[in-house]
Amino acid sequence: MYQSRCGVCCDECTRKESVNCKGCIHMDAPFWGGICEVKACCETKSLNHCGECDAFPCETLSAMGVAEGFDPAPKIEQCRKWAKE
């Protein structure tokens, strides 16, 4: 069962409660108040997560969080796993 649009495993997130995040699939907007391009893209295409997209993995997902020091590889791999379920 997928937990996010981008491959984050929300159930394992240690920051979830401290930032009042319910997970993007359960929220209209991200907890930070901005726009998540990945969330918006999936929802516009009526996809559960990026792994269902014909363009997967796209530049938007591959660049997500890189500027903040996050490695996108685990999220991409998780989306691959979800797509096989």
N, C-alpha and C. Protein backbone atom coordinates (compact mmCIF):
# COMPACT_ATOMS: atom_id res chain seq x y z
N MET A 1 0.84 -1.19 0.00
CA MET A 1 0.00 0.00 0.00
C MET A 1 0.88 1.25 0.00
N TYR A 2 0.64 2.11 -0.91
CA TYR A 2 1.43 3.34 -0.99
C TYR A 2 1.06 4.26 0.17
N GLN A 3 2.02 5.12 0.56
CA GLN A 3 1.83 6.04 1.68
C GLN A 3 1.97 7.50 1.27
N SER A 4 2.53 7.73 0.12
CA SER A 4 2.74 9.10 -0.36
C SER A 4 2.72 9.08 -1.88
N ARG A 5 2.82 10.23 -2.49
CA ARG A 5 2.89 10.31 -3.95
C ARG A 5 4.32 10.07 -4.43
N CYS A 6 5.31 10.49 -3.63
CA CYS A 6 6.70 10.52 -4.07
C CYS A 6 7.55 9.33 -3.63
N GLY A 7 7.02 8.48 -2.77
CA GLY A 7 7.80 7.34 -2.31
C GLY A 7 8.28 7.44 -0.88
N VAL A 8 7.95 8.50 -0.18
CA VAL A 8 8.28 8.61 1.23
C VAL A 8 7.39 7.62 1.99
N CYS A 9 7.98 6.88 2.89
CA CYS A 9 7.22 5.96 3.74
C CYS A 9 6.81 6.74 4.99
N CYS A 10 5.65 7.33 4.93
CA CYS A 10 5.16 8.21 6.00
C CYS A 10 5.07 7.51 7.34
N ASP A 11 4.74 6.23 7.34
CA ASP A 11 4.62 5.50 8.60
C ASP A 11 5.94 5.42 9.35
N GLU A 12 7.05 5.56 8.63
CA GLU A 12 8.37 5.48 9.24
C GLU A 12 8.97 6.85 9.54
N CYS A 13 8.28 7.91 9.19
CA CYS A 13 8.81 9.26 9.35
C CYS A 13 8.82 9.67 10.83
N THR A 14 9.98 10.08 11.30
CA THR A 14 10.11 10.49 12.70
C THR A 14 9.67 11.93 12.93
N ARG A 15 9.52 12.71 11.86
CA ARG A 15 9.13 14.12 11.98
C ARG A 15 7.64 14.35 11.80
N LYS A 16 6.91 13.34 11.40
CA LYS A 16 5.51 13.45 11.04
C LYS A 16 4.68 14.19 12.09
N GLU A 17 4.75 13.77 13.32
CA GLU A 17 3.95 14.39 14.38
C GLU A 17 4.42 15.79 14.72
N SER A 18 5.73 16.01 14.73
CA SER A 18 6.25 17.32 15.13
C SER A 18 5.90 18.43 14.13
N VAL A 19 5.64 18.07 12.88
CA VAL A 19 5.27 19.07 11.88
C VAL A 19 3.79 18.97 11.50
N ASN A 20 3.05 18.13 12.23
CA ASN A 20 1.62 17.95 12.02
C ASN A 20 1.30 17.50 10.59
N CYS A 21 2.03 16.51 10.14
CA CYS A 21 1.83 15.97 8.79
C CYS A 21 1.02 14.69 8.88
N LYS A 22 -0.02 14.62 8.08
CA LYS A 22 -0.86 13.42 8.02
C LYS A 22 -0.53 12.59 6.78
N GLY A 23 0.43 13.04 6.01
CA GLY A 23 0.78 12.38 4.76
C GLY A 23 0.05 13.04 3.60
N CYS A 24 0.73 13.23 2.51
CA CYS A 24 0.17 14.01 1.39
C CYS A 24 -1.09 13.41 0.80
N ILE A 25 -1.25 12.10 0.92
CA ILE A 25 -2.47 11.50 0.35
C ILE A 25 -3.70 11.83 1.19
N HIS A 26 -3.48 12.33 2.40
CA HIS A 26 -4.57 12.68 3.30
C HIS A 26 -4.71 14.19 3.51
N MET A 27 -3.95 14.98 2.77
CA MET A 27 -3.94 16.43 2.95
C MET A 27 -4.18 17.14 1.62
N ASP A 28 -4.87 18.27 1.66
CA ASP A 28 -5.08 19.05 0.45
C ASP A 28 -3.81 19.76 0.02
N ALA A 29 -3.01 20.20 1.00
CA ALA A 29 -1.77 20.92 0.73
C ALA A 29 -0.69 20.37 1.66
N PRO A 30 0.57 20.48 1.27
CA PRO A 30 1.66 20.01 2.12
C PRO A 30 1.67 20.74 3.46
N PHE A 31 2.23 20.09 4.47
CA PHE A 31 2.25 20.67 5.81
C PHE A 31 3.02 21.99 5.86
N TRP A 32 3.93 22.22 4.93
CA TRP A 32 4.71 23.46 4.95
C TRP A 32 3.95 24.63 4.32
N GLY A 33 2.80 24.35 3.74
CA GLY A 33 1.97 25.42 3.21
C GLY A 33 2.22 25.82 1.78
N GLY A 34 3.20 25.23 1.15
CA GLY A 34 3.49 25.56 -0.24
C GLY A 34 2.80 24.59 -1.18
N ILE A 35 3.38 24.43 -2.34
CA ILE A 35 2.86 23.49 -3.33
C ILE A 35 3.93 22.43 -3.57
N CYS A 36 3.54 21.18 -3.51
CA CYS A 36 4.45 20.09 -3.84
C CYS A 36 4.18 19.73 -5.30
N GLU A 37 5.17 19.94 -6.14
CA GLU A 37 5.01 19.66 -7.57
C GLU A 37 4.73 18.19 -7.84
N VAL A 38 5.33 17.32 -7.06
CA VAL A 38 5.11 15.88 -7.24
C VAL A 38 3.67 15.51 -6.88
N LYS A 39 3.20 15.99 -5.76
CA LYS A 39 1.82 15.74 -5.33
C LYS A 39 0.84 16.28 -6.38
N ALA A 40 1.06 17.51 -6.80
CA ALA A 40 0.17 18.14 -7.78
C ALA A 40 0.17 17.37 -9.10
N CYS A 41 1.32 16.93 -9.54
CA CYS A 41 1.43 16.19 -10.80
C CYS A 41 0.66 14.88 -10.71
N CYS A 42 0.89 14.11 -9.65
CA CYS A 42 0.18 12.83 -9.49
C CYS A 42 -1.32 13.03 -9.45
N GLU A 43 -1.76 14.01 -8.71
CA GLU A 43 -3.19 14.23 -8.57
C GLU A 43 -3.81 14.73 -9.87
N THR A 44 -3.09 15.54 -10.63
CA THR A 44 -3.58 16.00 -11.93
C THR A 44 -3.74 14.83 -12.90
N LYS A 45 -2.83 13.86 -12.80
CA LYS A 45 -2.87 12.68 -13.68
C LYS A 45 -3.69 11.54 -13.08
N SER A 46 -4.31 11.77 -11.93
CA SER A 46 -5.10 10.74 -11.22
C SER A 46 -4.28 9.49 -10.91
N LEU A 47 -3.03 9.71 -10.49
CA LEU A 47 -2.15 8.61 -10.10
C LEU A 47 -2.06 8.52 -8.58
N ASN A 48 -1.91 7.33 -8.07
CA ASN A 48 -1.72 7.16 -6.64
C ASN A 48 -0.33 7.61 -6.20
N HIS A 49 0.66 7.35 -7.05
CA HIS A 49 2.06 7.69 -6.75
C HIS A 49 2.84 7.74 -8.06
N CYS A 50 4.05 8.25 -7.98
CA CYS A 50 4.88 8.45 -9.17
C CYS A 50 5.19 7.16 -9.93
N GLY A 51 5.27 6.04 -9.22
CA GLY A 51 5.59 4.77 -9.86
C GLY A 51 4.58 4.33 -10.90
N GLU A 52 3.39 4.91 -10.89
CA GLU A 52 2.36 4.58 -11.87
C GLU A 52 2.46 5.41 -13.15
N CYS A 53 3.36 6.37 -13.19
CA CYS A 53 3.46 7.31 -14.30
C CYS A 53 4.31 6.76 -15.44
N ASP A 54 3.89 7.05 -16.66
CA ASP A 54 4.65 6.64 -17.84
C ASP A 54 6.01 7.33 -17.93
N ALA A 55 6.13 8.51 -17.30
CA ALA A 55 7.39 9.28 -17.34
C ALA A 55 8.29 8.99 -16.14
N PHE A 56 7.95 8.02 -15.33
CA PHE A 56 8.72 7.68 -14.12
C PHE A 56 10.06 7.07 -14.47
N PRO A 57 11.12 7.47 -13.76
CA PRO A 57 11.23 8.60 -12.84
C PRO A 57 11.53 9.88 -13.60
N CYS A 58 10.77 10.88 -13.37
CA CYS A 58 10.93 12.16 -14.08
C CYS A 58 11.92 13.06 -13.35
N GLU A 59 12.21 14.18 -13.98
CA GLU A 59 13.15 15.15 -13.40
C GLU A 59 12.60 15.75 -12.10
N THR A 60 11.30 15.98 -12.04
CA THR A 60 10.70 16.58 -10.84
C THR A 60 10.94 15.68 -9.64
N LEU A 61 10.66 14.40 -9.76
CA LEU A 61 10.88 13.46 -8.66
C LEU A 61 12.37 13.29 -8.39
N SER A 62 13.16 13.18 -9.43
CA SER A 62 14.60 12.96 -9.28
C SER A 62 15.32 14.12 -8.62
N ALA A 63 14.78 15.32 -8.75
CA ALA A 63 15.41 16.50 -8.15
C ALA A 63 14.80 16.87 -6.80
N MET A 64 13.71 16.21 -6.43
CA MET A 64 13.00 16.56 -5.20
C MET A 64 13.89 16.38 -3.97
N GLY A 65 14.12 17.47 -3.25
CA GLY A 65 14.88 17.44 -2.00
C GLY A 65 16.39 17.46 -2.16
N VAL A 66 16.90 17.38 -3.37
CA VAL A 66 18.34 17.34 -3.58
C VAL A 66 19.01 18.61 -3.06
N ALA A 67 18.41 19.76 -3.32
CA ALA A 67 18.98 21.03 -2.86
C ALA A 67 19.06 21.10 -1.33
N GLU A 68 18.20 20.33 -0.65
CA GLU A 68 18.19 20.31 0.80
C GLU A 68 19.06 19.18 1.36
N GLY A 69 19.75 18.46 0.47
CA GLY A 69 20.67 17.41 0.90
C GLY A 69 20.07 16.02 0.97
N PHE A 70 18.86 15.82 0.43
CA PHE A 70 18.23 14.50 0.46
C PHE A 70 18.54 13.73 -0.82
N ASP A 71 18.72 12.44 -0.69
CA ASP A 71 18.97 11.54 -1.81
C ASP A 71 17.62 11.04 -2.33
N PRO A 72 17.29 11.27 -3.59
CA PRO A 72 16.01 10.82 -4.11
C PRO A 72 15.94 9.31 -4.40
N ALA A 73 17.06 8.63 -4.41
CA ALA A 73 17.10 7.21 -4.78
C ALA A 73 16.17 6.33 -3.94
N PRO A 74 16.13 6.48 -2.61
CA PRO A 74 15.21 5.62 -1.84
C PRO A 74 13.74 5.83 -2.18
N LYS A 75 13.35 7.07 -2.46
CA LYS A 75 11.96 7.35 -2.83
C LYS A 75 11.64 6.73 -4.18
N ILE A 76 12.56 6.85 -5.12
CA ILE A 76 12.35 6.28 -6.45
C ILE A 76 12.22 4.77 -6.35
N GLU A 77 13.08 4.14 -5.56
CA GLU A 77 13.01 2.69 -5.38
C GLU A 77 11.70 2.27 -4.73
N GLN A 78 11.23 3.05 -3.76
CA GLN A 78 9.97 2.73 -3.10
C GLN A 78 8.81 2.82 -4.09
N CYS A 79 8.81 3.83 -4.94
CA CYS A 79 7.76 3.94 -5.96
C CYS A 79 7.79 2.74 -6.90
N ARG A 80 8.97 2.26 -7.22
CA ARG A 80 9.09 1.05 -8.06
C ARG A 80 8.43 -0.14 -7.36
N LYS A 81 8.69 -0.27 -6.06
CA LYS A 81 8.09 -1.37 -5.29
C LYS A 81 6.58 -1.25 -5.27
N TRP A 82 6.07 -0.06 -5.00
CA TRP A 82 4.62 0.14 -4.97
C TRP A 82 3.99 -0.18 -6.32
N ALA A 83 4.68 0.16 -7.40
CA ALA A 83 4.14 -0.09 -8.75
C ALA A 83 4.00 -1.58 -9.03
N LYS A 84 4.82 -2.39 -8.39
CA LYS A 84 4.78 -3.85 -8.59
C LYS A 84 3.71 -4.52 -7.74
N GLU A 85 3.20 -3.81 -6.73
CA GLU A 85 2.21 -4.42 -5.82
C GLU A 85 0.86 -4.56 -6.49
